[in-house]
Amino acid sequence: MARRDWRTLDESDVRVRPGKGSRPRSKLRPAHADAAAAMVLAVDRGRWTCAVDCDPDRVVTAMRARELGRTPVVVGDNVRLVGDVSGRPDTLARIVRVDERSSVLRRTADDTDPYERIVVANAEQLLIVTALADPPPRTGFIDRCLVACYTGGLEPLLCLTKADLATPDELLAGYADLAVPAVVTRHDEDSPELAERLRGRVSALVGHSGVGKSTLVNRMVPEADLATGVVSAIGKGRHTSVGAVALALPDGGWVVDTPGIRSFGLAHVTADDIVGAFPEFAEAAEECPSGCGHLGPPGDPDCALDAVLAEDTSTAATAGRLASLRRLLSSRAGIEP
């Protein structure tokens, strides 16, 4: 441009080269059509251990791709991998996609914690491990686990351990109206029934410390200690029980071992979420006043659930089912029975 008086220039005469931050960016992203399918087995400090094609003999370490941002990736997630999926030492794949989840087991630290934590994804059933004695069974914990199942899309399965110390009859009677399946085990015997219920499925285990969960895992997966060490090797010495770990069962299927927990918070669950898991009462709950906790008198005198028993002649809506439902609601609300 010829030299001219600056007073005669306008913006059309100024040429500015755009910086890197203002350059137009393409919205097109790689499709990753050749990405390999895998299941997440363990998570530790920014690294994910995955089984390619759900094959326990094809274990790789992966990182989360930058384009996923802070997308949560948890144990049990079905993901897609690119990069080096050979599993050789010092290799690293990338997680580029997380498939839609079929179920989610969530909990909060306590009932006042606003932040929910995803414990396991895509588990078909939740094995609620409870000792019949030493320590004594805690029905409040069982109830909270049932709430998590009903609202998260999992099937509950009670596993009552230490049957050599106490009988299960009284505890089982308390859950008869909920039709919760149960298996009873002893520390000195194998349980063919439990093995059959777990075969070919993805099952998560929860329970307090001391109820015999580790004993169960070691019986179901003879090489559990070795397998746990392999999938947690990226932890570089961290104790393997601090996070969930998926272990392959010898006859097919996976069991997700979770650390012993002290509390099972349900701050993310509403009363309507629980009632929704009981079809015989869900429609009537819509007639309840706003904010109804569905606990009935005296706290909820206008609750419509009581009227269902008088109007519904089906076998589903029974006084026992309503009492069990309200027990779960009370547990979620932190009300002692």
C-alpha atoms as a PDB file:
ATOM      1  CA  MET A   1       0.000   0.000   0.000  1.00  0.00           C
ATOM      2  CA  ALA A   2       1.377   3.363  -0.997  1.00  0.00           C
ATOM      3  CA  ARG A   3       2.262   5.703   1.792  1.00  0.00           C
ATOM      4  CA  ARG A   4      -0.722   7.924   2.509  1.00  0.00           C
ATOM      5  CA  ASP A   5      -1.851  10.382   5.096  1.00  0.00           C
ATOM      6  CA  TRP A   6      -3.119   8.350   8.113  1.00  0.00           C
ATOM      7  CA  ARG A   7      -6.083  10.694   8.379  1.00  0.00           C
ATOM      8  CA  THR A   8      -7.449   9.314   5.073  1.00  0.00           C
ATOM      9  CA  LEU A   9      -7.306   5.626   6.165  1.00  0.00           C
ATOM     10  CA  ASP A  10     -10.257   3.585   7.385  1.00  0.00           C
ATOM     11  CA  GLU A  11     -10.675  -0.001   8.640  1.00  0.00           C
ATOM     12  CA  SER A  12     -10.716  -1.438   5.122  1.00  0.00           C
ATOM     13  CA  ASP A  13      -7.124  -0.305   4.696  1.00  0.00           C
ATOM     14  CA  VAL A  14      -5.857  -2.216   7.723  1.00  0.00           C
ATOM     15  CA  ARG A  15      -4.865  -5.840   7.295  1.00  0.00           C
ATOM     16  CA  VAL A  16      -4.781  -7.838  10.521  1.00  0.00           C
ATOM     17  CA  ARG A  17      -3.622 -11.435  10.565  1.00  0.00           C
ATOM     18  CA  PRO A  18      -5.886 -13.391  12.939  1.00  0.00           C
ATOM     19  CA  GLY A  19      -4.253 -14.938  15.962  1.00  0.00           C
ATOM     20  CA  LYS A  20      -4.526 -18.615  16.808  1.00  0.00           C
ATOM     21  CA  GLY A  21      -7.413 -17.997  19.204  1.00  0.00           C
ATOM     22  CA  SER A  22      -9.579 -16.279  16.582  1.00  0.00           C
ATOM     23  CA  ARG A  23      -9.050 -18.664  13.702  1.00  0.00           C
ATOM     24  CA  PRO A  24     -12.248 -20.475  12.671  1.00  0.00           C
ATOM     25  CA  ARG A  25     -12.396 -24.036  13.978  1.00  0.00           C
ATOM     26  CA  SER A  26     -14.054 -26.910  12.233  1.00  0.00           C
ATOM     27  CA  LYS A  27     -16.955 -28.559  14.036  1.00  0.00           C
ATOM     28  CA  LEU A  28     -16.202 -31.830  12.309  1.00  0.00           C
ATOM     29  CA  ARG A  29     -14.824 -34.484  14.608  1.00  0.00           C
ATOM     30  CA  PRO A  30     -13.351 -37.889  13.794  1.00  0.00           C
ATOM     31  CA  ALA A  31     -15.993 -40.617  13.672  1.00  0.00           C
ATOM     32  CA  HIS A  32     -13.577 -43.247  15.011  1.00  0.00           C
ATOM     33  CA  ALA A  33     -15.420 -45.907  13.049  1.00  0.00           C
ATOM     34  CA  ASP A  34     -12.596 -48.353  13.716  1.00  0.00           C
ATOM     35  CA  ALA A  35     -12.630 -47.847  17.511  1.00  0.00           C
ATOM     36  CA  ALA A  36     -12.443 -51.040  19.537  1.00  0.00           C
ATOM     37  CA  ALA A  37     -15.175 -51.878  22.050  1.00  0.00           C
ATOM     38  CA  ALA A  38     -14.070 -52.395  25.652  1.00  0.00           C
ATOM     39  CA  MET A  39     -15.335 -52.553  29.231  1.00  0.00           C
ATOM     40  CA  VAL A  40     -13.784 -50.496  32.031  1.00  0.00           C
ATOM     41  CA  LEU A  41     -12.379 -52.722  34.800  1.00  0.00           C
ATOM     42  CA  ALA A  42     -10.711 -50.196  37.101  1.00  0.00           C
ATOM     43  CA  VAL A  43     -10.024 -46.478  37.423  1.00  0.00           C
ATOM     44  CA  ASP A  44      -7.027 -44.873  39.086  1.00  0.00           C
ATOM     45  CA  ARG A  45      -5.736 -41.302  38.791  1.00  0.00           C
ATOM     46  CA  GLY A  46      -6.467 -40.527  35.185  1.00  0.00           C
ATOM     47  CA  ARG A  47      -5.884 -44.018  33.830  1.00  0.00           C
ATOM     48  CA  TRP A  48      -8.536 -46.587  32.959  1.00  0.00           C
ATOM     49  CA  THR A  49      -7.936 -50.353  32.792  1.00  0.00           C
ATOM     50  CA  CYS A  50     -10.130 -51.848  30.063  1.00  0.00           C
ATOM     51  CA  ALA A  51     -10.896 -55.311  28.680  1.00  0.00           C
ATOM     52  CA  VAL A  52     -11.063 -55.179  24.881  1.00  0.00           C
ATOM     53  CA  ASP A  53     -14.230 -56.928  23.636  1.00  0.00           C
ATOM     54  CA  CYS A  54     -14.892 -57.838  27.300  1.00  0.00           C
ATOM     55  CA  ASP A  55     -12.063 -60.381  27.036  1.00  0.00           C
ATOM     56  CA  PRO A  56     -10.256 -60.682  30.409  1.00  0.00           C
ATOM     57  CA  ASP A  57      -7.126 -61.792  28.540  1.00  0.00           C
ATOM     58  CA  ARG A  58      -6.969 -58.552  26.507  1.00  0.00           C
ATOM     59  CA  VAL A  59      -6.428 -55.909  29.173  1.00  0.00           C
ATOM     60  CA  VAL A  60      -5.144 -52.475  28.146  1.00  0.00           C
ATOM     61  CA  THR A  61      -4.497 -49.160  29.863  1.00  0.00           C
ATOM     62  CA  ALA A  62      -6.200 -46.094  28.447  1.00  0.00           C
ATOM     63  CA  MET A  63      -6.526 -42.361  28.965  1.00  0.00           C
ATOM     64  CA  ARG A  64      -9.584 -40.201  28.342  1.00  0.00           C
ATOM     65  CA  ALA A  65      -9.467 -38.349  25.031  1.00  0.00           C
ATOM     66  CA  ARG A  66      -9.312 -34.593  25.306  1.00  0.00           C
ATOM     67  CA  GLU A  67     -12.531 -34.120  23.352  1.00  0.00           C
ATOM     68  CA  LEU A  68     -14.475 -35.983  26.076  1.00  0.00           C
ATOM     69  CA  GLY A  69     -13.683 -33.205  28.526  1.00  0.00           C
ATOM     70  CA  ARG A  70     -14.815 -34.166  32.019  1.00  0.00           C
ATOM     71  CA  THR A  71     -17.209 -36.878  30.879  1.00  0.00           C
ATOM     72  CA  PRO A  72     -17.266 -39.377  33.767  1.00  0.00           C
ATOM     73  CA  VAL A  73     -15.943 -42.832  32.925  1.00  0.00           C
ATOM     74  CA  VAL A  74     -16.526 -45.427  35.653  1.00  0.00           C
ATOM     75  CA  VAL A  75     -16.102 -49.140  36.228  1.00  0.00           C
ATOM     76  CA  GLY A  76     -18.565 -51.086  34.097  1.00  0.00           C
ATOM     77  CA  ASP A  77     -18.787 -48.455  31.360  1.00  0.00           C
ATOM     78  CA  ASN A  78     -18.748 -49.730  27.789  1.00  0.00           C
ATOM     79  CA  VAL A  79     -16.309 -47.530  25.895  1.00  0.00           C
ATOM     80  CA  ARG A  80     -14.620 -47.223  22.512  1.00  0.00           C
ATOM     81  CA  LEU A  81     -10.832 -47.188  22.222  1.00  0.00           C
ATOM     82  CA  VAL A  82      -8.390 -45.965  19.582  1.00  0.00           C
ATOM     83  CA  GLY A  83      -4.630 -46.028  19.506  1.00  0.00           C
ATOM     84  CA  ASP A  84      -2.534 -48.916  20.736  1.00  0.00           C
ATOM     85  CA  VAL A  85      -4.890 -51.610  22.053  1.00  0.00           C
ATOM     86  CA  SER A  86      -2.270 -54.344  22.046  1.00  0.00           C
ATOM     87  CA  GLY A  87      -1.864 -54.226  25.808  1.00  0.00           C
ATOM     88  CA  ARG A  88       1.921 -54.358  25.565  1.00  0.00           C
ATOM     89  CA  PRO A  89       3.932 -52.732  28.386  1.00  0.00           C
ATOM     90  CA  ASP A  90       4.247 -48.936  28.207  1.00  0.00           C
ATOM     91  CA  THR A  91       1.432 -48.592  25.658  1.00  0.00           C
ATOM     92  CA  LEU A  92      -1.579 -46.345  26.046  1.00  0.00           C
ATOM     93  CA  ALA A  93      -4.939 -46.288  24.272  1.00  0.00           C
ATOM     94  CA  ARG A  94      -7.488 -43.456  24.242  1.00  0.00           C
ATOM     95  CA  ILE A  95     -11.138 -43.585  25.275  1.00  0.00           C
ATOM     96  CA  VAL A  96     -12.998 -41.621  22.596  1.00  0.00           C
ATOM     97  CA  ARG A  97     -16.596 -42.551  23.363  1.00  0.00           C
ATOM     98  CA  VAL A  98     -18.711 -43.772  26.265  1.00  0.00           C
ATOM     99  CA  ASP A  99     -21.777 -45.828  25.319  1.00  0.00           C
ATOM    100  CA  GLU A 100     -25.179 -45.163  26.841  1.00  0.00           C
ATOM    101  CA  ARG A 101     -25.595 -46.847  30.215  1.00  0.00           C
ATOM    102  CA  SER A 102     -28.265 -49.452  30.875  1.00  0.00           C
ATOM    103  CA  SER A 103     -28.101 -48.983  34.657  1.00  0.00           C
ATOM    104  CA  VAL A 104     -26.279 -46.826  37.190  1.00  0.00           C
ATOM    105  CA  LEU A 105     -25.554 -47.495  40.847  1.00  0.00           C
ATOM    106  CA  ARG A 106     -25.309 -44.114  42.556  1.00  0.00           C
ATOM    107  CA  ARG A 107     -24.812 -42.979  46.125  1.00  0.00           C
ATOM    108  CA  THR A 108     -23.852 -39.867  48.051  1.00  0.00           C
ATOM    109  CA  ALA A 109     -21.539 -39.647  51.045  1.00  0.00           C
ATOM    110  CA  ASP A 110     -24.546 -38.907  53.270  1.00  0.00           C
ATOM    111  CA  ASP A 111     -28.086 -37.567  52.987  1.00  0.00           C
ATOM    112  CA  THR A 112     -26.901 -33.942  53.004  1.00  0.00           C
ATOM    113  CA  ASP A 113     -24.208 -34.312  50.352  1.00  0.00           C
ATOM    114  CA  PRO A 114     -25.349 -32.660  47.090  1.00  0.00           C
ATOM    115  CA  TYR A 115     -22.773 -34.541  44.996  1.00  0.00           C
ATOM    116  CA  GLU A 116     -23.744 -38.000  43.839  1.00  0.00           C
ATOM    117  CA  ARG A 117     -21.116 -40.578  42.970  1.00  0.00           C
ATOM    118  CA  ILE A 118     -21.487 -43.220  40.296  1.00  0.00           C
ATOM    119  CA  VAL A 119     -20.190 -46.451  41.819  1.00  0.00           C
ATOM    120  CA  VAL A 120     -20.777 -48.876  38.938  1.00  0.00           C
ATOM    121  CA  ALA A 121     -22.332 -48.597  35.477  1.00  0.00           C
ATOM    122  CA  ASN A 122     -24.186 -51.250  33.455  1.00  0.00           C
ATOM    123  CA  ALA A 123     -24.445 -53.809  36.268  1.00  0.00           C
ATOM    124  CA  GLU A 124     -27.443 -56.100  35.810  1.00  0.00           C
ATOM    125  CA  GLN A 125     -27.834 -56.919  39.482  1.00  0.00           C
ATOM    126  CA  LEU A 126     -26.638 -55.726  42.871  1.00  0.00           C
ATOM    127  CA  LEU A 127     -25.500 -58.348  45.343  1.00  0.00           C
ATOM    128  CA  ILE A 128     -26.268 -56.921  48.788  1.00  0.00           C
ATOM    129  CA  VAL A 129     -23.947 -58.839  51.108  1.00  0.00           C
ATOM    130  CA  THR A 130     -25.148 -58.977  54.719  1.00  0.00           C
ATOM    131  CA  ALA A 131     -23.936 -61.129  57.586  1.00  0.00           C
ATOM    132  CA  LEU A 132     -26.544 -62.891  59.710  1.00  0.00           C
ATOM    133  CA  ALA A 133     -24.300 -62.394  62.750  1.00  0.00           C
ATOM    134  CA  ASP A 134     -20.933 -60.857  63.666  1.00  0.00           C
ATOM    135  CA  PRO A 135     -21.736 -58.159  62.669  1.00  0.00           C
ATOM    136  CA  PRO A 136     -25.520 -58.342  63.030  1.00  0.00           C
ATOM    137  CA  PRO A 137     -27.619 -57.481  59.954  1.00  0.00           C
ATOM    138  CA  ARG A 138     -28.495 -53.821  59.409  1.00  0.00           C
ATOM    139  CA  THR A 139     -31.848 -53.638  57.683  1.00  0.00           C
ATOM    140  CA  GLY A 140     -31.517 -49.887  57.180  1.00  0.00           C
ATOM    141  CA  PHE A 141     -28.499 -50.461  54.947  1.00  0.00           C
ATOM    142  CA  ILE A 142     -30.318 -53.173  53.010  1.00  0.00           C
ATOM    143  CA  ASP A 143     -33.295 -50.855  52.493  1.00  0.00           C
ATOM    144  CA  ARG A 144     -31.070 -48.104  51.153  1.00  0.00           C
ATOM    145  CA  CYS A 145     -29.388 -50.494  48.743  1.00  0.00           C
ATOM    146  CA  LEU A 146     -32.824 -51.590  47.531  1.00  0.00           C
ATOM    147  CA  VAL A 147     -33.747 -47.956  46.892  1.00  0.00           C
ATOM    148  CA  ALA A 148     -30.553 -47.554  44.859  1.00  0.00           C
ATOM    149  CA  CYS A 149     -31.499 -50.646  42.836  1.00  0.00           C
ATOM    150  CA  TYR A 150     -35.059 -49.559  42.131  1.00  0.00           C
ATOM    151  CA  THR A 151     -34.044 -46.054  41.067  1.00  0.00           C
ATOM    152  CA  GLY A 152     -30.904 -47.108  39.169  1.00  0.00           C
ATOM    153  CA  GLY A 153     -32.284 -49.946  37.070  1.00  0.00           C
ATOM    154  CA  LEU A 154     -30.572 -52.869  38.826  1.00  0.00           C
ATOM    155  CA  GLU A 155     -32.058 -56.120  40.095  1.00  0.00           C
ATOM    156  CA  PRO A 156     -31.428 -56.683  43.821  1.00  0.00           C
ATOM    157  CA  LEU A 157     -30.115 -59.971  45.211  1.00  0.00           C
ATOM    158  CA  LEU A 158     -29.692 -60.506  48.946  1.00  0.00           C
ATOM    159  CA  CYS A 159     -26.656 -62.567  49.898  1.00  0.00           C
ATOM    160  CA  LEU A 160     -26.815 -63.617  53.542  1.00  0.00           C
ATOM    161  CA  THR A 161     -23.466 -64.849  54.845  1.00  0.00           C
ATOM    162  CA  LYS A 162     -22.367 -66.663  58.015  1.00  0.00           C
ATOM    163  CA  ALA A 163     -25.411 -68.933  58.087  1.00  0.00           C
ATOM    164  CA  ASP A 164     -23.438 -71.190  60.424  1.00  0.00           C
ATOM    165  CA  LEU A 165     -23.852 -68.522  63.141  1.00  0.00           C
ATOM    166  CA  ALA A 166     -27.561 -67.637  62.792  1.00  0.00           C
ATOM    167  CA  THR A 167     -30.685 -68.552  60.847  1.00  0.00           C
ATOM    168  CA  PRO A 168     -31.979 -66.327  58.029  1.00  0.00           C
ATOM    169  CA  ASP A 169     -35.720 -66.890  58.569  1.00  0.00           C
ATOM    170  CA  GLU A 170     -36.532 -63.674  60.432  1.00  0.00           C
ATOM    171  CA  LEU A 171     -34.566 -61.459  58.066  1.00  0.00           C
ATOM    172  CA  LEU A 172     -36.030 -63.071  54.959  1.00  0.00           C
ATOM    173  CA  ALA A 173     -39.541 -62.654  56.337  1.00  0.00           C
ATOM    174  CA  GLY A 174     -39.017 -58.902  56.511  1.00  0.00           C
ATOM    175  CA  TYR A 175     -38.470 -58.754  52.732  1.00  0.00           C
ATOM    176  CA  ALA A 176     -41.063 -61.303  51.638  1.00  0.00           C
ATOM    177  CA  ASP A 177     -43.521 -58.629  50.445  1.00  0.00           C
ATOM    178  CA  LEU A 178     -40.856 -57.065  48.238  1.00  0.00           C
ATOM    179  CA  ALA A 179     -40.124 -60.444  46.615  1.00  0.00           C
ATOM    180  CA  VAL A 180     -36.383 -59.837  46.836  1.00  0.00           C
ATOM    181  CA  PRO A 181     -34.485 -62.997  45.812  1.00  0.00           C
ATOM    182  CA  ALA A 182     -31.925 -64.232  48.310  1.00  0.00           C
ATOM    183  CA  VAL A 183     -29.145 -66.777  48.665  1.00  0.00           C
ATOM    184  CA  VAL A 184     -27.752 -68.014  51.978  1.00  0.00           C
ATOM    185  CA  THR A 185     -24.058 -68.924  52.274  1.00  0.00           C
ATOM    186  CA  ARG A 186     -21.539 -70.271  54.778  1.00  0.00           C
ATOM    187  CA  HIS A 187     -17.830 -69.503  54.935  1.00  0.00           C
ATOM    188  CA  ASP A 188     -16.921 -73.202  54.836  1.00  0.00           C
ATOM    189  CA  GLU A 189     -19.081 -74.233  51.867  1.00  0.00           C
ATOM    190  CA  ASP A 190     -19.443 -73.283  48.216  1.00  0.00           C
ATOM    191  CA  SER A 191     -22.799 -71.988  47.006  1.00  0.00           C
ATOM    192  CA  PRO A 192     -23.877 -73.476  43.663  1.00  0.00           C
ATOM    193  CA  GLU A 193     -27.025 -71.335  43.744  1.00  0.00           C
ATOM    194  CA  LEU A 194     -25.004 -68.126  43.991  1.00  0.00           C
ATOM    195  CA  ALA A 195     -22.676 -69.238  41.202  1.00  0.00           C
ATOM    196  CA  GLU A 196     -25.682 -69.916  38.974  1.00  0.00           C
ATOM    197  CA  ARG A 197     -27.222 -66.488  39.660  1.00  0.00           C
ATOM    198  CA  LEU A 198     -23.959 -64.751  38.750  1.00  0.00           C
ATOM    199  CA  ARG A 199     -23.036 -66.793  35.678  1.00  0.00           C
ATOM    200  CA  GLY A 200     -22.966 -64.763  32.479  1.00  0.00           C
ATOM    201  CA  ARG A 201     -24.062 -61.508  34.136  1.00  0.00           C
ATOM    202  CA  VAL A 202     -22.437 -58.305  35.384  1.00  0.00           C
ATOM    203  CA  SER A 203     -23.009 -58.162  39.146  1.00  0.00           C
ATOM    204  CA  ALA A 204     -21.906 -55.514  41.640  1.00  0.00           C
ATOM    205  CA  LEU A 205     -21.228 -56.325  45.297  1.00  0.00           C
ATOM    206  CA  VAL A 206     -21.824 -53.959  48.205  1.00  0.00           C
ATOM    207  CA  GLY A 207     -21.573 -54.536  51.921  1.00  0.00           C
ATOM    208  CA  HIS A 208     -20.139 -53.294  55.180  1.00  0.00           C
ATOM    209  CA  SER A 209     -16.638 -54.293  56.191  1.00  0.00           C
ATOM    210  CA  GLY A 210     -16.588 -57.623  57.987  1.00  0.00           C
ATOM    211  CA  VAL A 211     -19.668 -59.197  56.387  1.00  0.00           C
ATOM    212  CA  GLY A 212     -17.594 -61.688  54.382  1.00  0.00           C
ATOM    213  CA  LYS A 213     -17.557 -59.959  51.004  1.00  0.00           C
ATOM    214  CA  SER A 214     -13.866 -60.660  50.424  1.00  0.00           C
ATOM    215  CA  THR A 215     -14.387 -64.328  51.288  1.00  0.00           C
ATOM    216  CA  LEU A 216     -17.164 -64.517  48.696  1.00  0.00           C
ATOM    217  CA  VAL A 217     -15.044 -62.877  46.023  1.00  0.00           C
ATOM    218  CA  ASN A 218     -12.111 -65.199  46.676  1.00  0.00           C
ATOM    219  CA  ARG A 219     -14.405 -68.220  46.359  1.00  0.00           C
ATOM    220  CA  MET A 220     -16.022 -66.976  43.157  1.00  0.00           C
ATOM    221  CA  VAL A 221     -12.735 -65.843  41.591  1.00  0.00           C
ATOM    222  CA  PRO A 222      -9.916 -68.117  42.820  1.00  0.00           C
ATOM    223  CA  GLU A 223      -7.312 -65.772  41.386  1.00  0.00           C
ATOM    224  CA  ALA A 224      -8.984 -62.629  42.714  1.00  0.00           C
ATOM    225  CA  ASP A 225      -5.860 -61.311  44.446  1.00  0.00           C
ATOM    226  CA  LEU A 226      -3.792 -61.784  41.305  1.00  0.00           C
ATOM    227  CA  ALA A 227      -6.481 -60.332  39.028  1.00  0.00           C
ATOM    228  CA  THR A 228      -6.973 -57.343  41.304  1.00  0.00           C
ATOM    229  CA  GLY A 229      -3.266 -56.688  41.249  1.00  0.00           C
ATOM    230  CA  VAL A 230      -3.167 -56.810  37.449  1.00  0.00           C
ATOM    231  CA  VAL A 231      -6.030 -54.382  36.828  1.00  0.00           C
ATOM    232  CA  SER A 232      -4.770 -52.067  39.565  1.00  0.00           C
ATOM    233  CA  ALA A 233      -1.118 -52.121  38.578  1.00  0.00           C
ATOM    234  CA  ILE A 234      -1.436 -48.570  37.301  1.00  0.00           C
ATOM    235  CA  GLY A 235      -1.981 -47.528  40.915  1.00  0.00           C
ATOM    236  CA  LYS A 236       1.749 -47.970  41.577  1.00  0.00           C
ATOM    237  CA  GLY A 237       1.357 -49.453  45.015  1.00  0.00           C
ATOM    238  CA  ARG A 238      -1.987 -47.989  46.021  1.00  0.00           C
ATOM    239  CA  HIS A 239      -4.105 -50.397  48.079  1.00  0.00           C
ATOM    240  CA  THR A 240      -6.442 -52.192  45.667  1.00  0.00           C
ATOM    241  CA  SER A 241      -9.551 -52.014  47.874  1.00  0.00           C
ATOM    242  CA  VAL A 242      -9.992 -48.237  47.644  1.00  0.00           C
ATOM    243  CA  GLY A 243     -11.928 -48.413  44.368  1.00  0.00           C
ATOM    244  CA  ALA A 244     -14.285 -50.692  42.486  1.00  0.00           C
ATOM    245  CA  VAL A 245     -12.678 -53.456  40.428  1.00  0.00           C
ATOM    246  CA  ALA A 246     -14.360 -55.726  37.870  1.00  0.00           C
ATOM    247  CA  LEU A 247     -13.221 -59.354  38.021  1.00  0.00           C
ATOM    248  CA  ALA A 248     -13.975 -62.038  35.438  1.00  0.00           C
ATOM    249  CA  LEU A 249     -15.834 -65.102  36.685  1.00  0.00           C
ATOM    250  CA  PRO A 250     -14.426 -68.501  35.614  1.00  0.00           C
ATOM    251  CA  ASP A 251     -17.741 -69.616  34.041  1.00  0.00           C
ATOM    252  CA  GLY A 252     -18.486 -66.288  32.358  1.00  0.00           C
ATOM    253  CA  GLY A 253     -19.718 -62.946  33.595  1.00  0.00           C
ATOM    254  CA  TRP A 254     -18.193 -60.276  35.776  1.00  0.00           C
ATOM    255  CA  VAL A 255     -18.362 -59.410  39.449  1.00  0.00           C
ATOM    256  CA  VAL A 256     -17.586 -55.827  40.469  1.00  0.00           C
ATOM    257  CA  ASP A 257     -16.061 -55.736  43.931  1.00  0.00           C
ATOM    258  CA  THR A 258     -16.589 -52.420  45.714  1.00  0.00           C
ATOM    259  CA  PRO A 259     -14.845 -51.265  48.908  1.00  0.00           C
ATOM    260  CA  GLY A 260     -16.614 -51.746  52.224  1.00  0.00           C
ATOM    261  CA  ILE A 261     -18.748 -48.660  52.833  1.00  0.00           C
ATOM    262  CA  ARG A 262     -19.895 -47.032  56.051  1.00  0.00           C
ATOM    263  CA  SER A 263     -22.948 -45.229  54.702  1.00  0.00           C
ATOM    264  CA  PHE A 264     -25.144 -45.228  51.610  1.00  0.00           C
ATOM    265  CA  GLY A 265     -26.400 -41.693  51.072  1.00  0.00           C
ATOM    266  CA  LEU A 266     -29.536 -41.101  49.003  1.00  0.00           C
ATOM    267  CA  ALA A 267     -29.574 -37.318  48.697  1.00  0.00           C
ATOM    268  CA  HIS A 268     -30.111 -37.640  44.934  1.00  0.00           C
ATOM    269  CA  VAL A 269     -33.259 -39.778  45.299  1.00  0.00           C
ATOM    270  CA  THR A 270     -36.757 -38.319  45.708  1.00  0.00           C
ATOM    271  CA  ALA A 271     -39.801 -39.989  47.257  1.00  0.00           C
ATOM    272  CA  ASP A 272     -41.479 -40.090  43.841  1.00  0.00           C
ATOM    273  CA  ASP A 273     -38.466 -41.943  42.418  1.00  0.00           C
ATOM    274  CA  ILE A 274     -39.056 -44.764  44.899  1.00  0.00           C
ATOM    275  CA  VAL A 275     -42.818 -44.903  44.410  1.00  0.00           C
ATOM    276  CA  GLY A 276     -42.219 -45.119  40.667  1.00  0.00           C
ATOM    277  CA  ALA A 277     -40.665 -48.553  41.211  1.00  0.00           C
ATOM    278  CA  PHE A 278     -44.005 -49.812  42.576  1.00  0.00           C
ATOM    279  CA  PRO A 279     -46.411 -49.772  39.595  1.00  0.00           C
ATOM    280  CA  GLU A 280     -49.459 -50.594  41.724  1.00  0.00           C
ATOM    281  CA  PHE A 281     -49.004 -47.340  43.685  1.00  0.00           C
ATOM    282  CA  ALA A 282     -47.335 -45.057  41.112  1.00  0.00           C
ATOM    283  CA  GLU A 283     -50.552 -43.829  39.452  1.00  0.00           C
ATOM    284  CA  ALA A 284     -52.236 -43.019  42.765  1.00  0.00           C
ATOM    285  CA  ALA A 285     -49.142 -41.076  43.890  1.00  0.00           C
ATOM    286  CA  GLU A 286     -49.853 -38.532  41.161  1.00  0.00           C
ATOM    287  CA  GLU A 287     -52.988 -37.514  43.083  1.00  0.00           C
ATOM    288  CA  CYS A 288     -51.011 -36.743  46.239  1.00  0.00           C
ATOM    289  CA  PRO A 289     -50.510 -33.074  47.198  1.00  0.00           C
ATOM    290  CA  SER A 290     -47.285 -31.376  46.203  1.00  0.00           C
ATOM    291  CA  GLY A 291     -44.392 -32.272  48.468  1.00  0.00           C
ATOM    292  CA  CYS A 292     -46.051 -35.412  49.817  1.00  0.00           C
ATOM    293  CA  GLY A 293     -43.541 -37.826  51.276  1.00  0.00           C
ATOM    294  CA  HIS A 294     -46.029 -40.727  50.843  1.00  0.00           C
ATOM    295  CA  LEU A 295     -45.468 -41.841  54.425  1.00  0.00           C
ATOM    296  CA  GLY A 296     -49.130 -41.573  55.394  1.00  0.00           C
ATOM    297  CA  PRO A 297     -50.601 -40.087  58.599  1.00  0.00           C
ATOM    298  CA  PRO A 298     -49.662 -38.195  60.648  1.00  0.00           C
ATOM    299  CA  GLY A 299     -46.873 -36.687  58.523  1.00  0.00           C
ATOM    300  CA  ASP A 300     -48.702 -37.020  55.200  1.00  0.00           C
ATOM    301  CA  PRO A 301     -52.428 -37.147  56.110  1.00  0.00           C
ATOM    302  CA  ASP A 302     -53.596 -36.558  52.527  1.00  0.00           C
ATOM    303  CA  CYS A 303     -51.450 -39.278  50.952  1.00  0.00           C
ATOM    304  CA  ALA A 304     -53.421 -41.122  48.289  1.00  0.00           C
ATOM    305  CA  LEU A 305     -51.605 -44.437  48.592  1.00  0.00           C
ATOM    306  CA  ASP A 306     -53.858 -45.709  51.387  1.00  0.00           C
ATOM    307  CA  ALA A 307     -56.875 -45.453  49.114  1.00  0.00           C
ATOM    308  CA  VAL A 308     -55.288 -47.927  46.693  1.00  0.00           C
ATOM    309  CA  LEU A 309     -55.750 -50.797  49.130  1.00  0.00           C
ATOM    310  CA  ALA A 310     -59.486 -50.131  49.323  1.00  0.00           C
ATOM    311  CA  GLU A 311     -59.959 -49.671  45.566  1.00  0.00           C
ATOM    312  CA  ASP A 312     -57.489 -52.144  44.072  1.00  0.00           C
ATOM    313  CA  THR A 313     -58.512 -55.788  44.360  1.00  0.00           C
ATOM    314  CA  SER A 314     -55.406 -57.064  42.573  1.00  0.00           C
ATOM    315  CA  THR A 315     -52.879 -59.164  44.431  1.00  0.00           C
ATOM    316  CA  ALA A 316     -50.097 -56.652  43.737  1.00  0.00           C
ATOM    317  CA  ALA A 317     -51.394 -53.862  45.983  1.00  0.00           C
ATOM    318  CA  THR A 318     -51.306 -55.348  49.457  1.00  0.00           C
ATOM    319  CA  ALA A 319     -50.894 -53.910  52.929  1.00  0.00           C
ATOM    320  CA  GLY A 320     -47.538 -55.663  53.149  1.00  0.00           C
ATOM    321  CA  ARG A 321     -46.299 -54.073  49.929  1.00  0.00           C
ATOM    322  CA  LEU A 322     -47.407 -50.620  51.081  1.00  0.00           C
ATOM    323  CA  ALA A 323     -45.720 -51.126  54.453  1.00  0.00           C
ATOM    324  CA  SER A 324     -42.513 -52.208  52.715  1.00  0.00           C
ATOM    325  CA  LEU A 325     -42.682 -49.231  50.357  1.00  0.00           C
ATOM    326  CA  ARG A 326     -43.095 -46.832  53.269  1.00  0.00           C
ATOM    327  CA  ARG A 327     -40.221 -48.498  55.088  1.00  0.00           C
ATOM    328  CA  LEU A 328     -38.000 -47.727  52.090  1.00  0.00           C
ATOM    329  CA  LEU A 329     -39.315 -44.165  52.015  1.00  0.00           C
ATOM    330  CA  SER A 330     -38.565 -43.780  55.716  1.00  0.00           C
ATOM    331  CA  SER A 331     -35.046 -45.112  55.205  1.00  0.00           C
ATOM    332  CA  ARG A 332     -34.481 -42.646  52.366  1.00  0.00           C
ATOM    333  CA  ALA A 333     -35.750 -39.817  54.617  1.00  0.00           C
ATOM    334  CA  GLY A 334     -33.463 -40.887  57.447  1.00  0.00           C
ATOM    335  CA  ILE A 335     -36.341 -41.839  59.739  1.00  0.00           C
ATOM    336  CA  GLU A 336     -35.568 -44.681  62.121  1.00  0.00           C
ATOM    337  CA  PRO A 337     -38.190 -47.485  62.134  1.00  0.00           C
END
